[in-house]
Protein backbone atom coordinates (compact mmCIF):
# COMPACT_ATOMS: atom_id res chain seq x y z
CA THR A 1 -0.22 -0.23 0.13
CA VAL A 2 1.58 3.40 -0.63
CA VAL A 3 1.37 5.51 2.23
CA ASN A 4 2.82 8.82 0.98
CA TYR A 5 3.73 10.36 -2.52
CA ARG A 6 4.34 13.48 -3.75
CA ILE A 7 3.58 14.89 -7.02
CA ARG A 8 6.45 17.37 -8.46
CA PRO A 9 7.52 19.14 -11.79
CA SER A 10 10.73 17.32 -12.21
CA ILE A 11 14.10 17.09 -13.79
CA ILE A 12 15.50 13.47 -14.28
CA HIS A 13 19.17 13.22 -13.75
CA VAL A 14 20.64 9.91 -15.57
CA GLY A 15 23.19 8.30 -13.45
CA ARG A 16 23.38 5.44 -15.70
CA ARG A 17 21.55 4.06 -18.84
CA CYS A 18 21.15 0.20 -17.96
CA SER A 19 19.74 -2.64 -20.51
CA TYR A 20 17.30 -5.23 -19.11
CA LYS A 21 20.23 -8.01 -20.35
CA GLU A 22 22.76 -5.82 -18.02
CA VAL A 23 20.44 -5.42 -14.95
CA TYR A 24 19.23 -9.60 -15.35
CA LYS A 25 23.06 -10.33 -15.20
CA ALA A 26 23.76 -7.83 -12.23
CA LEU A 27 20.74 -9.51 -10.05
CA GLU A 28 20.67 -12.97 -11.19
CA GLU A 29 24.08 -14.03 -12.08
CA ASN A 30 26.34 -11.41 -10.13
CA ILE A 31 27.92 -10.32 -13.34
CA VAL A 32 28.56 -6.49 -12.58
CA PRO A 33 30.18 -4.21 -14.69
CA ASP A 34 32.46 -1.67 -12.74
CA ASP A 35 30.69 1.25 -13.48
CA LEU A 36 27.48 -0.32 -12.21
CA VAL A 37 28.73 -1.39 -8.86
CA ASP A 38 27.84 1.79 -7.09
CA PHE A 39 24.07 1.24 -8.35
CA ILE A 40 23.48 -2.24 -7.17
CA PRO A 41 22.12 -1.77 -3.60
CA MET A 42 19.54 0.49 -5.45
CA LEU A 43 18.65 -2.16 -7.79
CA ARG A 44 18.46 -5.04 -5.43
CA ASP A 45 15.83 -2.95 -3.20
CA LEU A 46 13.64 -1.82 -6.35
CA ALA A 47 13.83 -5.64 -7.07
CA GLU A 48 12.73 -6.62 -3.62
CA ILE A 49 10.06 -3.84 -3.45
CA SER A 50 8.76 -5.57 -7.18
CA LYS A 51 8.33 -8.77 -5.66
CA ILE A 52 6.21 -7.17 -2.91
CA LEU A 53 4.12 -5.42 -5.20
CA ASN A 54 3.71 -8.29 -7.47
CA ARG A 55 2.73 -10.47 -4.31
CA MET A 56 0.22 -7.42 -3.43
CA ARG A 57 -1.48 -7.19 -6.97
CA ARG A 58 -1.64 -11.28 -6.83
CA ARG A 59 -3.48 -11.48 -3.54
CA ARG A 60 -6.07 -9.08 -4.69
CA GLY A 61 -6.77 -11.20 -7.88
CA ALA A 62 -4.60 -9.33 -10.55
CA LEU A 63 -3.98 -11.65 -13.78
CA ASP A 64 -0.65 -12.42 -14.44
CA PHE A 65 -0.12 -13.35 -18.09
CA ASP A 66 3.47 -14.96 -18.59
CA PHE A 67 3.53 -15.25 -22.57
CA PRO A 68 7.01 -15.39 -24.40
CA GLU A 69 7.62 -13.01 -26.81
CA TYR A 70 8.88 -13.74 -29.72
CA LYS A 71 11.37 -11.19 -32.09
CA VAL A 72 12.27 -11.38 -35.48
CA LEU A 73 15.55 -10.48 -36.25
CA LEU A 74 16.18 -8.26 -39.69
CA ASP A 75 19.26 -7.56 -41.71
CA LEU A 76 20.04 -4.27 -42.84
CA ASP A 77 17.60 -4.77 -45.80
CA GLY A 78 14.70 -6.22 -43.57
CA THR A 79 15.06 -9.52 -44.63
CA PRO A 80 14.19 -11.72 -41.35
CA LEU A 81 17.06 -13.46 -40.36
CA ARG A 82 15.85 -15.69 -36.97
CA ILE A 83 13.33 -15.81 -34.67
CA VAL A 84 14.47 -15.54 -31.02
CA LYS A 85 12.26 -16.32 -27.84
CA ARG A 86 12.65 -13.75 -24.98
CA ASP A 87 11.41 -14.43 -21.45
CA ARG A 88 10.49 -12.04 -19.05
CA THR A 89 13.17 -11.35 -16.51
CA MET A 90 13.44 -9.94 -12.94
CA ALA A 91 14.72 -6.58 -14.97
CA GLU A 92 11.45 -6.38 -17.09
CA ARG A 93 9.12 -7.56 -14.09
CA LEU A 94 10.87 -4.74 -11.65
CA ILE A 95 10.18 -1.80 -14.04
CA GLU A 96 6.65 -3.39 -14.84
CA GLU A 97 5.86 -3.12 -11.03
CA CYS A 98 7.22 0.15 -10.56
CA MET A 99 5.33 1.60 -13.58
CA LEU A 100 1.97 0.52 -12.26
CA ILE A 101 2.19 1.71 -8.58
CA ALA A 102 2.94 5.11 -10.21
CA ASN A 103 -0.16 4.63 -12.80
CA GLU A 104 -2.45 3.50 -9.94
CA THR A 105 -1.02 6.52 -7.67
CA VAL A 106 -1.61 9.05 -10.59
CA ALA A 107 -4.98 7.89 -11.18
CA THR A 108 -6.42 7.79 -7.64
CA HIS A 109 -4.81 11.27 -7.41
CA LEU A 110 -6.58 12.70 -10.31
CA LYS A 111 -9.83 10.85 -9.08
CA ASP A 112 -9.74 12.60 -5.73
CA THR A 113 -9.56 16.26 -7.37
CA GLN A 114 -13.11 15.50 -8.69
CA ARG A 115 -12.32 16.79 -12.03
CA THR A 116 -12.46 15.26 -15.61
CA SER A 117 -9.73 12.74 -15.87
CA VAL A 118 -8.21 10.29 -17.93
CA TYR A 119 -8.24 6.68 -17.41
CA ARG A 120 -7.24 3.29 -18.74
CA ILE A 121 -10.23 0.84 -18.22
CA HIS A 122 -11.01 -2.59 -18.63
CA GLU A 123 -14.33 -3.95 -18.16
CA HIS A 124 -15.70 -7.18 -16.94
CA PRO A 125 -15.96 -10.18 -19.43
CA SER A 126 -19.35 -10.17 -21.37
CA GLU A 127 -21.65 -12.99 -20.67
CA GLU A 128 -21.10 -14.14 -24.40
CA LYS A 129 -17.64 -14.75 -23.99
CA LEU A 130 -17.69 -16.09 -20.51
CA ASP A 131 -19.96 -18.81 -21.30
CA LEU A 132 -17.81 -19.93 -24.12
CA PHE A 133 -14.80 -19.74 -21.91
CA GLN A 134 -16.63 -21.81 -19.25
CA LYS A 135 -17.12 -24.44 -22.28
CA VAL A 136 -13.45 -24.81 -23.16
CA LEU A 137 -12.32 -24.80 -19.46
CA HIS A 138 -15.02 -27.59 -19.21
CA TYR A 139 -13.18 -29.64 -22.21
CA LEU A 140 -9.65 -28.84 -20.52
CA GLY A 141 -10.87 -30.56 -17.35
CA GLN A 142 -11.37 -27.17 -15.56
CA THR A 143 -14.07 -25.28 -14.07
CA LEU A 144 -14.37 -21.17 -13.74
CA VAL A 145 -16.12 -21.23 -10.00
CA LEU A 146 -17.56 -17.61 -9.74
CA SER A 147 -17.54 -15.75 -6.51
CA ALA A 148 -20.77 -14.70 -5.02
CA ASP A 149 -21.16 -11.53 -6.10
CA GLY A 150 -20.24 -12.02 -9.76
CA VAL A 151 -17.12 -12.86 -11.62
CA THR A 152 -13.82 -11.32 -10.56
CA PRO A 153 -10.21 -11.32 -11.74
CA ARG A 154 -9.13 -14.03 -9.05
CA ASP A 155 -11.45 -16.31 -10.29
CA PHE A 156 -9.63 -16.43 -13.38
CA GLN A 157 -6.45 -16.28 -11.57
CA LYS A 158 -7.05 -19.33 -9.68
CA ILE A 159 -7.57 -21.19 -13.02
CA LEU A 160 -3.87 -19.95 -14.09
CA ASP A 161 -2.55 -21.07 -10.83
CA VAL A 162 -4.33 -24.62 -11.27
CA VAL A 163 -2.98 -25.48 -14.77
CA LYS A 164 0.62 -23.85 -14.26
CA GLY A 165 3.17 -25.97 -15.72
CA GLN A 166 0.85 -28.48 -17.32
CA ASP A 167 0.62 -29.31 -20.99
CA ILE A 168 -2.44 -27.39 -21.35
CA GLU A 169 -1.02 -23.93 -19.67
CA GLN A 170 -0.30 -22.00 -22.86
CA VAL A 171 -3.81 -23.10 -24.33
CA ALA A 172 -5.19 -21.93 -20.96
CA GLN A 173 -3.63 -18.61 -20.94
CA ILE A 174 -4.65 -17.92 -24.38
CA MET A 175 -8.39 -18.88 -23.93
CA THR A 176 -8.35 -16.59 -20.96
CA LEU A 177 -6.67 -13.70 -22.72
CA ARG A 178 -9.57 -14.11 -25.62
CA SER A 179 -12.32 -13.91 -22.94
CA MET A 180 -11.45 -10.75 -21.98
CA GLN A 181 -12.80 -7.07 -23.09
CA GLN A 182 -10.55 -4.83 -24.83
CA ALA A 183 -8.72 -2.11 -22.48
CA LYS A 184 -9.33 1.21 -23.63
CA TYR A 185 -8.99 4.98 -22.76
CA SER A 186 -11.96 6.73 -21.18
CA ILE A 187 -12.75 9.61 -18.91
CA GLU A 188 -15.52 7.16 -16.78
CA ASN A 189 -13.50 5.45 -14.11
CA VAL A 190 -14.76 1.62 -14.23
CA GLY A 191 -11.43 0.00 -12.75
CA HIS A 192 -9.44 -2.39 -14.53
CA PHE A 193 -10.37 -6.02 -14.57
CA GLY A 194 -7.26 -7.66 -15.57
CA LEU A 195 -5.15 -5.51 -12.67
CA ALA A 196 -8.00 -5.99 -10.10
CA SER A 197 -7.44 -2.11 -9.93
CA THR A 198 -10.27 0.12 -9.15
CA CYS A 199 -8.51 3.02 -10.65
CA TYR A 200 -5.91 3.14 -13.55
CA THR A 201 -4.22 5.05 -15.73
CA HIS A 202 -1.02 5.80 -18.18
CA PHE A 203 1.33 8.39 -16.85
CA THR A 204 4.49 6.82 -17.32
CA SER A 205 5.05 7.58 -21.04
CA PRO A 206 4.45 10.81 -22.40
CA ILE A 207 6.50 11.13 -25.09
CA ARG A 208 5.12 8.02 -26.88
CA ARG A 209 1.71 7.89 -25.92
CA TYR A 210 -0.86 10.90 -26.07
CA PRO A 211 -2.89 9.86 -23.25
CA ASP A 212 0.05 9.85 -20.93
CA LEU A 213 0.49 13.44 -22.44
CA MET A 214 -3.17 14.48 -21.34
CA VAL A 215 -2.52 13.06 -17.90
CA HIS A 216 0.67 15.26 -17.35
CA ARG A 217 -1.27 18.01 -18.22
CA LEU A 218 -4.26 17.43 -16.21
CA LEU A 219 -1.75 17.56 -13.20
CA LYS A 220 -0.36 20.70 -13.71
CA ALA A 221 -3.49 21.92 -14.33
CA ASP A 222 -4.30 20.62 -10.90
CA MET A 223 -0.98 22.36 -9.28
CA HIS A 224 -1.86 25.48 -11.16
CA TRP A 225 1.56 25.29 -13.26
CA LYS A 226 1.45 28.51 -15.05
CA GLY A 227 2.13 27.57 -18.96
CA GLY A 228 2.16 24.00 -18.33
CA TYR A 229 -1.38 23.48 -20.08
CA SER A 230 -4.34 25.24 -21.54
CA LYS A 231 -8.32 25.72 -20.85
CA ARG A 232 -8.35 22.92 -23.66
CA ASP A 233 -6.70 20.44 -21.78
CA VAL A 234 -9.01 20.26 -18.88
CA ASP A 235 -12.20 20.78 -21.14
CA GLU A 236 -14.54 17.72 -20.38
CA ALA A 237 -15.84 17.53 -24.28
CA PHE A 238 -12.21 17.65 -25.67
CA LEU A 239 -10.98 14.93 -23.11
CA ALA A 240 -13.87 12.58 -24.36
CA GLY A 241 -13.05 12.97 -28.16
CA ALA A 242 -9.59 12.79 -27.11
CA VAL A 243 -9.65 9.68 -25.16
CA GLU A 244 -12.13 7.96 -27.88
CA HIS A 245 -9.56 8.85 -30.55
CA SER A 246 -6.77 7.54 -28.86
CA SER A 247 -8.48 4.06 -28.28
CA ILE A 248 -9.09 4.09 -32.26
CA GLN A 249 -5.80 4.98 -33.06
CA GLU A 250 -4.10 2.58 -30.43
CA GLN A 251 -6.02 -0.37 -32.61
CA VAL A 252 -5.09 0.96 -35.73
CA ALA A 253 -1.08 1.35 -34.56
CA THR A 254 -1.47 -2.72 -32.80
CA GLU A 255 -3.22 -3.79 -36.11
CA ALA A 256 -0.02 -2.44 -37.94
CA GLU A 257 2.28 -4.00 -35.73
CA ARG A 258 0.62 -7.10 -36.55
CA GLU A 259 0.50 -7.13 -39.97
CA THR A 260 4.12 -6.05 -39.95
CA THR A 261 5.03 -8.74 -37.51
CA ASP A 262 2.94 -11.71 -39.61
CA LEU A 263 4.46 -10.37 -42.78
CA LYS A 264 8.19 -10.91 -41.51
CA LYS A 265 7.08 -14.40 -40.15
CA THR A 266 5.80 -15.34 -43.18
CA GLN A 267 9.09 -14.22 -44.88
CA TYR A 268 10.81 -16.21 -42.92
CA MET A 269 9.00 -19.45 -43.42
CA VAL A 270 9.54 -19.29 -47.10
CA PRO A 271 12.80 -21.46 -47.24
CA PHE A 272 11.17 -23.98 -45.06
CA VAL A 273 8.61 -24.70 -47.59
CA GLY A 274 8.47 -28.81 -47.36
CA GLU A 275 9.93 -29.33 -43.94
CA VAL A 276 8.28 -30.92 -41.08
CA PHE A 277 7.74 -29.50 -37.58
CA GLU A 278 6.29 -30.29 -34.41
CA GLY A 279 3.35 -27.97 -33.06
CA THR A 280 0.55 -27.63 -30.58
CA ILE A 281 -2.76 -27.27 -31.62
CA ALA A 282 -3.51 -23.36 -30.48
CA SER A 283 -7.06 -23.24 -31.47
CA ILE A 284 -9.82 -25.03 -33.19
CA THR A 285 -12.23 -23.56 -35.78
CA SER A 286 -14.86 -24.52 -38.14
CA PHE A 287 -12.39 -24.17 -40.96
CA GLY A 288 -9.47 -26.63 -39.45
CA MET A 289 -7.03 -25.77 -36.46
CA PHE A 290 -4.22 -23.24 -36.02
CA VAL A 291 -0.84 -24.76 -35.02
CA GLU A 292 1.58 -23.28 -33.34
CA LEU A 293 5.38 -23.89 -33.84
CA GLU A 294 8.12 -23.75 -30.80
CA ASN A 295 9.32 -20.44 -32.47
CA GLY A 296 5.89 -18.41 -31.73
CA ILE A 297 5.10 -18.86 -35.82
CA ASP A 298 1.42 -20.14 -36.04
CA GLY A 299 -0.27 -21.55 -39.42
CA LEU A 300 -3.89 -23.33 -40.33
CA VAL A 301 -3.98 -26.83 -41.16
CA HIS A 302 -7.16 -26.25 -43.24
CA ILE A 303 -10.15 -28.94 -42.76
CA SER A 304 -10.19 -29.50 -46.64
CA MET A 305 -6.81 -30.78 -46.20
CA MET A 306 -7.28 -33.45 -43.90
CA ASN A 307 -8.20 -36.14 -46.38
CA ASP A 308 -8.22 -39.07 -44.30
CA ASP A 309 -11.58 -38.55 -43.04
CA TYR A 310 -14.54 -35.81 -43.20
CA TYR A 311 -13.84 -33.74 -40.12
CA PHE A 312 -16.67 -31.12 -38.74
CA PHE A 313 -16.44 -28.99 -35.85
CA ASP A 314 -17.67 -30.12 -32.38
CA GLU A 315 -18.30 -26.64 -31.15
CA GLU A 316 -19.66 -27.55 -27.80
CA HIS A 317 -16.47 -29.71 -26.91
CA PHE A 318 -13.96 -27.69 -28.91
CA VAL A 319 -12.93 -30.49 -31.05
CA LEU A 320 -12.34 -31.63 -34.73
CA VAL A 321 -13.99 -34.78 -35.33
CA GLY A 322 -13.53 -37.64 -38.10
CA LYS A 323 -17.21 -38.45 -39.02
CA ARG A 324 -16.28 -42.26 -40.49
CA THR A 325 -13.51 -42.96 -37.78
CA GLY A 326 -14.64 -40.95 -34.68
CA LYS A 327 -10.92 -39.54 -34.43
CA THR A 328 -10.40 -36.24 -32.80
CA TYR A 329 -7.96 -33.49 -32.59
CA HIS A 330 -8.36 -31.18 -29.55
CA LEU A 331 -6.75 -28.08 -28.01
CA GLY A 332 -3.25 -28.42 -26.36
CA GLU A 333 -2.63 -31.63 -28.59
CA LYS A 334 0.80 -32.37 -29.97
CA VAL A 335 1.18 -32.74 -33.88
CA THR A 336 3.31 -33.37 -36.51
CA VAL A 337 3.09 -30.91 -39.70
CA THR A 338 4.74 -30.12 -42.69
CA LEU A 339 4.83 -26.87 -44.08
CA VAL A 340 3.08 -26.35 -47.50
CA LYS A 341 2.71 -23.16 -48.17
CA ALA A 342 4.01 -19.30 -46.97
CA ASP A 343 2.14 -16.71 -48.79
CA VAL A 344 4.02 -13.26 -48.15
CA GLU A 345 1.25 -11.48 -49.99
CA LYS A 346 -1.66 -12.95 -47.95
CA LYS A 347 0.76 -13.28 -45.03
CA GLN A 348 -0.63 -16.42 -44.52
CA ILE A 349 1.11 -19.86 -43.41
CA ASP A 350 -0.46 -23.35 -44.73
CA PHE A 351 0.44 -26.90 -42.65
CA VAL A 352 -0.87 -30.05 -43.40
CA LEU A 353 -0.70 -33.06 -41.06
CA GLY A 354 2.15 -35.51 -41.04
CA GLU A 355 4.80 -35.59 -43.44
CA VAL A 356 3.68 -35.27 -47.55
CA ASP A 357 4.81 -37.29 -50.22
CA ASN A 358 3.52 -34.71 -53.32
CA LEU A 359 4.07 -31.26 -52.08
CA MET A 360 3.62 -29.91 -55.49
CA ALA A 361 -0.19 -31.58 -55.71
CA ILE A 362 -0.92 -30.23 -52.12
CA GLN A 363 0.08 -26.93 -53.20
CA GLU A 364 -2.20 -27.09 -56.45
CA GLN A 365 -5.24 -28.28 -54.09
CA LEU A 366 -4.57 -25.25 -52.04
CA SER A 367 -4.21 -23.10 -54.79
CA SER A 368 -7.25 -24.01 -56.54
CA GLY A 369 -9.51 -23.58 -53.11
CA SER A 370 -11.33 -20.02 -52.41
CA ASP A 371 -9.31 -17.74 -50.07
CA TYR A 372 -10.46 -18.09 -46.60
CA ALA A 373 -10.95 -15.44 -43.72
CA THR A 374 -8.36 -15.76 -41.18
CA SER A 375 -9.42 -13.39 -38.80
CA ARG A 376 -10.56 -14.90 -35.79
CA ASP A 377 -13.22 -14.13 -33.27
CA GLY A 378 -12.46 -13.88 -29.67
CA PHE A 379 -11.73 -17.32 -28.94
CA GLY A 380 -9.88 -17.78 -32.40
CA ASN A 381 -12.66 -19.22 -34.52
CA LEU A 382 -12.41 -18.23 -38.03
CA LYS A 383 -15.35 -15.99 -39.59
CA GLY A 384 -18.11 -18.37 -41.21
CA ARG A 385 -17.81 -17.06 -44.68
CA LYS A 386 -15.33 -17.58 -47.22
CA SER A 387 -13.26 -14.05 -48.18
CA SER A 388 -9.69 -12.52 -48.85
CA ARG A 389 -8.14 -11.94 -45.28
CA LYS A 390 -8.70 -8.14 -46.18
CA ASN A 391 -12.37 -8.31 -46.67
CA GLY A 392 -12.21 -11.02 -43.70
CA ARG A 393 -11.56 -7.97 -40.83
CA LYS A 394 -14.03 -6.85 -38.62
CA THR A 395 -14.02 -3.04 -38.96
CA SER A 396 -16.24 -0.71 -36.51
CA LYS A 397 -17.31 3.18 -36.91
CA ARG A 398 -16.78 5.45 -34.19
CA ASP A 399 -19.89 6.74 -32.10
CA ASP A 400 -21.95 8.52 -34.61
CA SER A 401 -24.72 9.47 -32.11
CA LYS A 402 -25.25 13.10 -31.39
CA ALA A 403 -23.40 12.64 -28.06
CA GLY A 404 -20.71 10.69 -30.06
CA ARG A 405 -20.29 13.69 -32.41
CA SER A 406 -20.19 16.21 -30.04
CA ARG A 407 -17.35 14.48 -28.14
CA TYR A 408 -15.10 13.82 -31.42
CA ASP A 409 -15.78 17.77 -32.22
CA ALA A 410 -14.51 18.76 -29.25
CA PHE A 411 -11.38 17.11 -30.28
CA SER A 412 -11.54 18.42 -33.86
CA LYS A 413 -9.75 20.87 -35.49
CA LYS A 414 -13.51 22.43 -36.61
CA SER A 415 -14.21 23.10 -32.67
CA LYS A 416 -11.41 25.50 -32.27
CA LYS A 417 -13.11 27.67 -34.96
CA GLY A 418 -16.31 27.58 -32.95
CA LYS A 419 -18.18 25.52 -35.97
CA SER A 420 -20.68 23.53 -34.23
CA SER A 421 -23.70 23.16 -36.74
CA HIS A 422 -24.97 19.86 -37.53
CA LYS A 423 -23.94 19.78 -40.97
CA LYS A 424 -20.23 20.61 -40.39
CA SER A 425 -20.29 18.32 -37.05
CA ASN A 426 -21.20 15.04 -39.13
CA LYS A 427 -19.09 15.98 -41.79
CA ALA A 428 -16.11 16.01 -39.27
CA THR A 429 -17.18 13.00 -37.49
CA LYS A 430 -17.35 11.08 -41.65
CA ARG A 431 -13.77 12.52 -41.69
CA GLY A 432 -12.68 11.09 -38.12
CA GLN A 433 -14.11 7.40 -38.82
CA SER A 434 -11.12 4.80 -38.62
CA LYS A 435 -10.83 1.02 -38.99
CA LYS A 436 -10.07 -0.96 -35.97
CA SER A 437 -9.28 -4.69 -35.75
CA LYS A 438 -8.96 -7.36 -33.09
CA SER A 439 -5.52 -7.61 -31.71
CA LYS A 440 -3.28 -8.34 -28.35
CA ARG A 441 -4.83 -7.06 -25.35
CA LYS A 442 -3.03 -4.81 -24.07
CA ARG A 443 -3.15 -3.27 -20.60
């Protein structure tokens, strides 16, 4: 618990720039460069504090996903060289815990000012996703026991604790994540479900995130720091439009990052067409199943390429079932696959089960079929219609209600000139519409 804090305009004096790798080696392997020796006591204290903060968050039920991060290394021409796996170390966790407590403290401070503020919110899972998650857990042999007052993050954390170290751990984590709502920015504080926090914001990165910069300006307004903010920066209509716009643009940026990563991963796999890999079934769909390799790359085994039987999707049990043989494929199952196609233009990777004798014939069979939508719903299921990947994406428009237009106009350039007629407001709204797609959930 934070006992005391002060928020002041400050200047940071950098005593030593440290990389995560350096700090990890210093704390875990006692490999300390000479110019880092004087900072070791402070780093060790911070490491202990971060452990305490993490235990506090877990006690209140905060979710702690531990997904490995895969990074595509490129040469000077942008050609993928290899894919490396990076696990979170004590160094990353140290920074993360300090960041979280700072964000919570600032959010609570702003809430206590009783002014309109900017929050990072994460709403409770929808009933639809919760029901679907319950079905998946039932198949995995687990049960989500809900608290008396409804679903809480602690209920989800109990599941993650139970499956830790089991073969189904990664699948359970993925499905838990997909059952969550998308975090976003808002001027209405409803708390952050995933962090089990009653009040949260983004404050620590004003040089790269606009909402953080808005929070800094709100703090300056609270301190009456002359020249540190303008009247517009504390205007409720402006803030409402700005957080809505920021949430949309966050999804645009995340989708662009995902598309770029998919492109580079597909390029990386091109030389391996025809090779055999071991993988894990990460999701079951009506069109087939996605198999994830050890390097984090996943591809689709299309149901039309499963030639030993006619398979159908048993939605209740989340399995593919052979109609004639009764053979099943389920989440978390280890399978052997052959890479048969890496389509760079479409950013799609195709596998077939087992080893193949006639690669060219299989590639022709794939090419002769219609393009299939590879955008997935909240649980990794493919959309039910055939289309190109581009057309298969889900797009959504910004709120075009009267209230929505007012919020956006307060953030648009038109509002500066005082032009607020319905006709002009509607034009500004149309110009402001953006696409957004499903992506990794962010805090």
